[in-house]
Amino acid sequence: LILQGLHTALDTSGAVPLLSCRGAVEQADLLLLDIKAADDALFRRLTGRGMENTLELLDYCENVGKPVWIRHVLVPGLTMEDGQLHRLGRRLQPYACIQRVEVLPFHKMGEYKWKELGEPYTLEKTEPPSPEEAEKARALLREYGISARLTFSNSLLREEHLTDKKCNELCKMFEHAPDTDNSPHTHQLQNGVIVHSE
């Protein structure tokens, strides 16, 4: 892909030590870095490990000028608390390499995976944040000069999220694209994902 001149992005939680992943990071044009929590105690509680590797990777990107998009999930009772968001804002504020922070409201779509694995799901009673709560979190992060954007799952889409003309034109293009195998599903949209960012 790189040899063909295509833009490449590496999506990671930063769990792998920099020594082991530096080559892949150097090849990517953009790093999508998941930061699960703003402080080490909560990070360790959520992931079972400390955040040293994640921060080392972020520091490396800062030093070499590698563009980074941070992805942060808002979980009520955990990462959505004001204190946690303020800590996240203070932690990320000094980094010039961070182009944006994608704020992803918690959703329930992956809950079935835990049941299939026979593992206890500790967030079973946790409800997704409301759009108003998600907007409040985004606004709080913006107080730190961070370009924070909300990225909704389908479970949080509202009518106004579907008014983007370019997005709708793209959906129509896929909907009317002919099937290459002449299957009976020609001109029918089989799969799709709608992503909305503010």
C-alpha atoms as a PDB file:
ATOM      1  CA  LEU A   1       0.000   0.000   0.000  1.00  0.00           C
ATOM      2  CA  ILE A   2       2.784   2.410   0.920  1.00  0.00           C
ATOM      3  CA  LEU A   3       4.637   1.716  -2.341  1.00  0.00           C
ATOM      4  CA  GLN A   4       1.438   2.523  -4.227  1.00  0.00           C
ATOM      5  CA  GLY A   5       1.252   5.894  -2.512  1.00  0.00           C
ATOM      6  CA  LEU A   6      -1.816   5.094  -0.413  1.00  0.00           C
ATOM      7  CA  HIS A   7      -2.262   6.772   2.963  1.00  0.00           C
ATOM      8  CA  THR A   8      -1.889   4.242   5.779  1.00  0.00           C
ATOM      9  CA  ALA A   9      -3.053   4.332   9.386  1.00  0.00           C
ATOM     10  CA  LEU A  10      -2.088   2.076  12.281  1.00  0.00           C
ATOM     11  CA  ASP A  11      -4.802   1.419  14.895  1.00  0.00           C
ATOM     12  CA  THR A  12      -3.380   0.400  18.283  1.00  0.00           C
ATOM     13  CA  SER A  13      -3.914   0.569  22.028  1.00  0.00           C
ATOM     14  CA  GLY A  14      -0.171   0.967  22.502  1.00  0.00           C
ATOM     15  CA  ALA A  15       0.089  -2.242  24.524  1.00  0.00           C
ATOM     16  CA  VAL A  16       3.098  -3.482  22.541  1.00  0.00           C
ATOM     17  CA  PRO A  17       6.449  -2.010  23.676  1.00  0.00           C
ATOM     18  CA  LEU A  18       7.849   0.630  21.325  1.00  0.00           C
ATOM     19  CA  LEU A  19      10.953  -1.478  20.741  1.00  0.00           C
ATOM     20  CA  SER A  20       8.750  -4.134  19.102  1.00  0.00           C
ATOM     21  CA  CYS A  21       6.435  -1.890  17.068  1.00  0.00           C
ATOM     22  CA  ARG A  22       8.607   1.054  16.036  1.00  0.00           C
ATOM     23  CA  GLY A  23       9.078  -0.270  12.480  1.00  0.00           C
ATOM     24  CA  ALA A  24       5.330  -0.453  11.851  1.00  0.00           C
ATOM     25  CA  VAL A  25       4.779   2.969  13.409  1.00  0.00           C
ATOM     26  CA  GLU A  26       7.477   4.507  11.203  1.00  0.00           C
ATOM     27  CA  GLN A  27       5.808   3.112   8.062  1.00  0.00           C
ATOM     28  CA  ALA A  28       2.337   4.467   8.890  1.00  0.00           C
ATOM     29  CA  ASP A  29       1.210   7.949   7.895  1.00  0.00           C
ATOM     30  CA  LEU A  30      -1.136   8.231  10.865  1.00  0.00           C
ATOM     31  CA  LEU A  31      -1.476   6.569  14.268  1.00  0.00           C
ATOM     32  CA  LEU A  32      -4.930   5.865  15.750  1.00  0.00           C
ATOM     33  CA  LEU A  33      -4.162   5.459  19.440  1.00  0.00           C
ATOM     34  CA  ASP A  34      -6.720   4.182  21.947  1.00  0.00           C
ATOM     35  CA  ILE A  35      -6.282   5.680  25.398  1.00  0.00           C
ATOM     36  CA  LYS A  36      -8.539   3.757  27.743  1.00  0.00           C
ATOM     37  CA  ALA A  37      -8.187   6.063  30.759  1.00  0.00           C
ATOM     38  CA  ALA A  38      -6.378   9.210  31.822  1.00  0.00           C
ATOM     39  CA  ASP A  39      -4.654   7.907  34.936  1.00  0.00           C
ATOM     40  CA  ASP A  40      -2.677   4.752  35.549  1.00  0.00           C
ATOM     41  CA  ALA A  41      -4.919   3.343  38.301  1.00  0.00           C
ATOM     42  CA  LEU A  42      -8.079   3.323  36.184  1.00  0.00           C
ATOM     43  CA  PHE A  43      -6.113   2.313  33.075  1.00  0.00           C
ATOM     44  CA  ARG A  44      -4.782  -0.706  34.966  1.00  0.00           C
ATOM     45  CA  ARG A  45      -8.251  -1.550  36.294  1.00  0.00           C
ATOM     46  CA  LEU A  46      -9.736  -1.505  32.779  1.00  0.00           C
ATOM     47  CA  THR A  47      -6.935  -3.228  30.865  1.00  0.00           C
ATOM     48  CA  GLY A  48      -4.945  -5.239  33.424  1.00  0.00           C
ATOM     49  CA  ARG A  49      -1.756  -3.327  32.597  1.00  0.00           C
ATOM     50  CA  GLY A  50      -0.215   0.073  33.144  1.00  0.00           C
ATOM     51  CA  MET A  51      -0.171   2.849  30.571  1.00  0.00           C
ATOM     52  CA  GLU A  52       3.638   3.126  30.258  1.00  0.00           C
ATOM     53  CA  ASN A  53       3.819   1.583  26.763  1.00  0.00           C
ATOM     54  CA  THR A  54       0.942   3.713  25.495  1.00  0.00           C
ATOM     55  CA  LEU A  55       2.538   6.926  26.740  1.00  0.00           C
ATOM     56  CA  GLU A  56       5.960   5.910  25.433  1.00  0.00           C
ATOM     57  CA  LEU A  57       4.425   5.439  21.988  1.00  0.00           C
ATOM     58  CA  LEU A  58       2.697   8.820  22.185  1.00  0.00           C
ATOM     59  CA  ASP A  59       5.955  10.478  23.280  1.00  0.00           C
ATOM     60  CA  TYR A  60       7.747   8.865  20.344  1.00  0.00           C
ATOM     61  CA  CYS A  61       5.153  10.225  17.904  1.00  0.00           C
ATOM     62  CA  GLU A  62       5.595  13.670  19.413  1.00  0.00           C
ATOM     63  CA  ASN A  63       9.374  13.497  19.028  1.00  0.00           C
ATOM     64  CA  VAL A  64       9.277  12.409  15.367  1.00  0.00           C
ATOM     65  CA  GLY A  65       6.243  14.473  14.351  1.00  0.00           C
ATOM     66  CA  LYS A  66       3.969  11.507  13.591  1.00  0.00           C
ATOM     67  CA  PRO A  67       0.294  12.612  13.373  1.00  0.00           C
ATOM     68  CA  VAL A  68      -1.955  10.962  15.975  1.00  0.00           C
ATOM     69  CA  TRP A  69      -5.693  10.630  16.431  1.00  0.00           C
ATOM     70  CA  ILE A  70      -6.612   9.662  19.990  1.00  0.00           C
ATOM     71  CA  ARG A  71      -9.664   7.443  20.490  1.00  0.00           C
ATOM     72  CA  HIS A  72     -11.330   7.501  23.907  1.00  0.00           C
ATOM     73  CA  VAL A  73     -14.463   5.608  24.943  1.00  0.00           C
ATOM     74  CA  LEU A  74     -16.891   7.374  27.282  1.00  0.00           C
ATOM     75  CA  VAL A  75     -18.102   4.840  29.848  1.00  0.00           C
ATOM     76  CA  PRO A  76     -20.552   6.162  32.471  1.00  0.00           C
ATOM     77  CA  GLY A  77     -19.222   5.653  35.976  1.00  0.00           C
ATOM     78  CA  LEU A  78     -15.674   5.186  34.698  1.00  0.00           C
ATOM     79  CA  THR A  79     -14.140   7.312  31.951  1.00  0.00           C
ATOM     80  CA  MET A  80     -17.051   9.746  31.576  1.00  0.00           C
ATOM     81  CA  GLU A  81     -16.589  11.293  35.017  1.00  0.00           C
ATOM     82  CA  ASP A  82     -15.623  14.985  34.938  1.00  0.00           C
ATOM     83  CA  GLY A  83     -12.461  14.343  36.954  1.00  0.00           C
ATOM     84  CA  GLN A  84     -11.294  11.718  34.482  1.00  0.00           C
ATOM     85  CA  LEU A  85     -12.020  13.962  31.513  1.00  0.00           C
ATOM     86  CA  HIS A  86     -10.119  16.860  33.071  1.00  0.00           C
ATOM     87  CA  ARG A  87      -7.159  14.538  33.678  1.00  0.00           C
ATOM     88  CA  LEU A  88      -7.342  13.380  30.062  1.00  0.00           C
ATOM     89  CA  GLY A  89      -7.422  16.974  28.839  1.00  0.00           C
ATOM     90  CA  ARG A  90      -4.396  17.928  30.943  1.00  0.00           C
ATOM     91  CA  ARG A  91      -2.493  14.836  29.824  1.00  0.00           C
ATOM     92  CA  LEU A  92      -3.099  15.353  26.104  1.00  0.00           C
ATOM     93  CA  GLN A  93      -2.875  19.148  25.974  1.00  0.00           C
ATOM     94  CA  PRO A  94       0.945  19.404  25.563  1.00  0.00           C
ATOM     95  CA  TYR A  95       1.134  17.106  22.519  1.00  0.00           C
ATOM     96  CA  ALA A  96       1.408  18.919  19.184  1.00  0.00           C
ATOM     97  CA  CYS A  97       1.254  15.592  17.300  1.00  0.00           C
ATOM     98  CA  ILE A  98      -2.384  15.014  18.312  1.00  0.00           C
ATOM     99  CA  GLN A  99      -4.597  16.202  15.463  1.00  0.00           C
ATOM    100  CA  ARG A 100      -7.885  15.188  17.030  1.00  0.00           C
ATOM    101  CA  VAL A 101      -9.487  13.229  19.837  1.00  0.00           C
ATOM    102  CA  GLU A 102     -12.351  10.964  18.829  1.00  0.00           C
ATOM    103  CA  VAL A 103     -14.798  10.662  21.705  1.00  0.00           C
ATOM    104  CA  LEU A 104     -16.704   7.391  21.347  1.00  0.00           C
ATOM    105  CA  PRO A 105     -19.775   6.968  23.565  1.00  0.00           C
ATOM    106  CA  PHE A 106     -20.003   3.495  25.129  1.00  0.00           C
ATOM    107  CA  HIS A 107     -22.516   1.157  23.451  1.00  0.00           C
ATOM    108  CA  LYS A 108     -23.905  -2.329  24.042  1.00  0.00           C
ATOM    109  CA  MET A 109     -23.266  -3.877  20.618  1.00  0.00           C
ATOM    110  CA  GLY A 110     -20.395  -6.112  21.756  1.00  0.00           C
ATOM    111  CA  GLU A 111     -22.143  -7.483  24.837  1.00  0.00           C
ATOM    112  CA  TYR A 112     -22.993 -10.790  23.144  1.00  0.00           C
ATOM    113  CA  LYS A 113     -19.289 -11.610  22.711  1.00  0.00           C
ATOM    114  CA  TRP A 114     -18.823 -11.959  26.448  1.00  0.00           C
ATOM    115  CA  LYS A 115     -21.776 -14.337  26.703  1.00  0.00           C
ATOM    116  CA  GLU A 116     -20.399 -16.455  23.857  1.00  0.00           C
ATOM    117  CA  LEU A 117     -17.050 -16.659  25.656  1.00  0.00           C
ATOM    118  CA  GLY A 118     -18.757 -17.578  28.926  1.00  0.00           C
ATOM    119  CA  GLU A 119     -17.098 -14.608  30.627  1.00  0.00           C
ATOM    120  CA  PRO A 120     -18.804 -12.255  33.103  1.00  0.00           C
ATOM    121  CA  TYR A 121     -19.655  -8.896  31.544  1.00  0.00           C
ATOM    122  CA  THR A 122     -19.093  -6.248  34.184  1.00  0.00           C
ATOM    123  CA  LEU A 123     -20.789  -3.474  32.199  1.00  0.00           C
ATOM    124  CA  GLU A 124     -24.081  -5.308  31.704  1.00  0.00           C
ATOM    125  CA  LYS A 125     -26.007  -2.741  33.764  1.00  0.00           C
ATOM    126  CA  THR A 126     -24.165   0.253  32.302  1.00  0.00           C
ATOM    127  CA  GLU A 127     -26.302   2.271  29.919  1.00  0.00           C
ATOM    128  CA  PRO A 128     -24.855   4.243  26.988  1.00  0.00           C
ATOM    129  CA  PRO A 129     -24.468   7.965  27.642  1.00  0.00           C
ATOM    130  CA  SER A 130     -27.120  10.254  26.252  1.00  0.00           C
ATOM    131  CA  PRO A 131     -26.196  12.548  23.349  1.00  0.00           C
ATOM    132  CA  GLU A 132     -26.289  15.449  25.813  1.00  0.00           C
ATOM    133  CA  GLU A 133     -23.829  13.724  28.155  1.00  0.00           C
ATOM    134  CA  ALA A 134     -21.532  12.912  25.238  1.00  0.00           C
ATOM    135  CA  GLU A 135     -21.649  16.527  24.047  1.00  0.00           C
ATOM    136  CA  LYS A 136     -20.809  17.744  27.552  1.00  0.00           C
ATOM    137  CA  ALA A 137     -17.718  15.503  27.581  1.00  0.00           C
ATOM    138  CA  ARG A 138     -16.631  16.756  24.172  1.00  0.00           C
ATOM    139  CA  ALA A 139     -17.042  20.381  25.263  1.00  0.00           C
ATOM    140  CA  LEU A 140     -15.008  19.730  28.415  1.00  0.00           C
ATOM    141  CA  LEU A 141     -12.087  18.354  26.392  1.00  0.00           C
ATOM    142  CA  ARG A 142     -12.259  21.309  24.034  1.00  0.00           C
ATOM    143  CA  GLU A 143     -11.582  23.582  26.995  1.00  0.00           C
ATOM    144  CA  TYR A 144      -8.017  22.258  26.813  1.00  0.00           C
ATOM    145  CA  GLY A 145      -7.588  23.331  23.190  1.00  0.00           C
ATOM    146  CA  ILE A 146      -8.158  19.772  21.975  1.00  0.00           C
ATOM    147  CA  SER A 147      -9.986  19.126  18.701  1.00  0.00           C
ATOM    148  CA  ALA A 148     -12.452  16.661  20.216  1.00  0.00           C
ATOM    149  CA  ARG A 149     -15.099  15.092  17.995  1.00  0.00           C
ATOM    150  CA  LEU A 150     -17.984  12.787  18.802  1.00  0.00           C
ATOM    151  CA  THR A 151     -18.131   9.525  16.870  1.00  0.00           C
ATOM    152  CA  PHE A 152     -21.429   7.725  17.303  1.00  0.00           C
ATOM    153  CA  SER A 153     -22.281   4.083  16.917  1.00  0.00           C
ATOM    154  CA  ASN A 154     -25.529   3.258  15.145  1.00  0.00           C
ATOM    155  CA  SER A 155     -27.234   2.996  18.533  1.00  0.00           C
ATOM    156  CA  LEU A 156     -26.731   6.733  19.122  1.00  0.00           C
ATOM    157  CA  LEU A 157     -27.549   8.100  15.680  1.00  0.00           C
ATOM    158  CA  ARG A 158     -30.233  10.748  15.566  1.00  0.00           C
ATOM    159  CA  GLU A 159     -32.101  12.327  12.647  1.00  0.00           C
ATOM    160  CA  GLU A 160     -29.719  15.288  12.360  1.00  0.00           C
ATOM    161  CA  HIS A 161     -26.742  12.939  11.969  1.00  0.00           C
ATOM    162  CA  LEU A 162     -28.145  11.710   8.661  1.00  0.00           C
ATOM    163  CA  THR A 163     -28.368  15.093   6.935  1.00  0.00           C
ATOM    164  CA  ASP A 164     -24.804  15.205   5.602  1.00  0.00           C
ATOM    165  CA  LYS A 165     -25.238  15.535   1.813  1.00  0.00           C
ATOM    166  CA  LYS A 166     -21.876  13.987   0.912  1.00  0.00           C
ATOM    167  CA  CYS A 167     -22.527  11.001   3.169  1.00  0.00           C
ATOM    168  CA  ASN A 168     -25.961  10.472   1.652  1.00  0.00           C
ATOM    169  CA  GLU A 169     -24.560  10.747  -1.888  1.00  0.00           C
ATOM    170  CA  LEU A 170     -21.971   8.111  -1.041  1.00  0.00           C
ATOM    171  CA  CYS A 171     -24.658   5.804   0.380  1.00  0.00           C
ATOM    172  CA  LYS A 172     -26.713   6.203  -2.814  1.00  0.00           C
ATOM    173  CA  MET A 173     -23.668   5.381  -4.911  1.00  0.00           C
ATOM    174  CA  PHE A 174     -23.189   2.081  -3.068  1.00  0.00           C
ATOM    175  CA  GLU A 175     -26.895   1.331  -3.106  1.00  0.00           C
ATOM    176  CA  HIS A 176     -27.073   1.598  -6.895  1.00  0.00           C
ATOM    177  CA  ALA A 177     -23.699   0.057  -7.702  1.00  0.00           C
ATOM    178  CA  PRO A 178     -24.144  -3.073  -9.887  1.00  0.00           C
ATOM    179  CA  ASP A 179     -23.166  -6.442  -8.449  1.00  0.00           C
ATOM    180  CA  THR A 180     -20.159  -7.869 -10.286  1.00  0.00           C
ATOM    181  CA  ASP A 181     -21.388 -11.450  -9.926  1.00  0.00           C
ATOM    182  CA  ASN A 182     -24.925 -10.741 -11.215  1.00  0.00           C
ATOM    183  CA  SER A 183     -26.423 -12.122  -8.024  1.00  0.00           C
ATOM    184  CA  PRO A 184     -30.148 -11.705  -7.287  1.00  0.00           C
ATOM    185  CA  HIS A 185     -29.186  -8.975  -4.793  1.00  0.00           C
ATOM    186  CA  THR A 186     -28.130  -6.562  -7.552  1.00  0.00           C
ATOM    187  CA  HIS A 187     -28.796  -2.919  -6.585  1.00  0.00           C
ATOM    188  CA  GLN A 188     -29.508  -3.856  -2.977  1.00  0.00           C
ATOM    189  CA  LEU A 189     -27.358  -2.515  -0.167  1.00  0.00           C
ATOM    190  CA  GLN A 190     -25.992  -5.531   1.699  1.00  0.00           C
ATOM    191  CA  ASN A 191     -23.778  -4.034   4.400  1.00  0.00           C
ATOM    192  CA  GLY A 192     -22.935  -0.573   5.608  1.00  0.00           C
ATOM    193  CA  VAL A 193     -21.560   1.525   8.406  1.00  0.00           C
ATOM    194  CA  ILE A 194     -22.547   5.124   9.084  1.00  0.00           C
ATOM    195  CA  VAL A 195     -20.007   7.194  10.938  1.00  0.00           C
ATOM    196  CA  HIS A 196     -20.780  10.743  12.061  1.00  0.00           C
ATOM    197  CA  SER A 197     -18.199  13.135  13.504  1.00  0.00           C
ATOM    198  CA  GLU A 198     -18.730  16.680  14.679  1.00  0.00           C
END
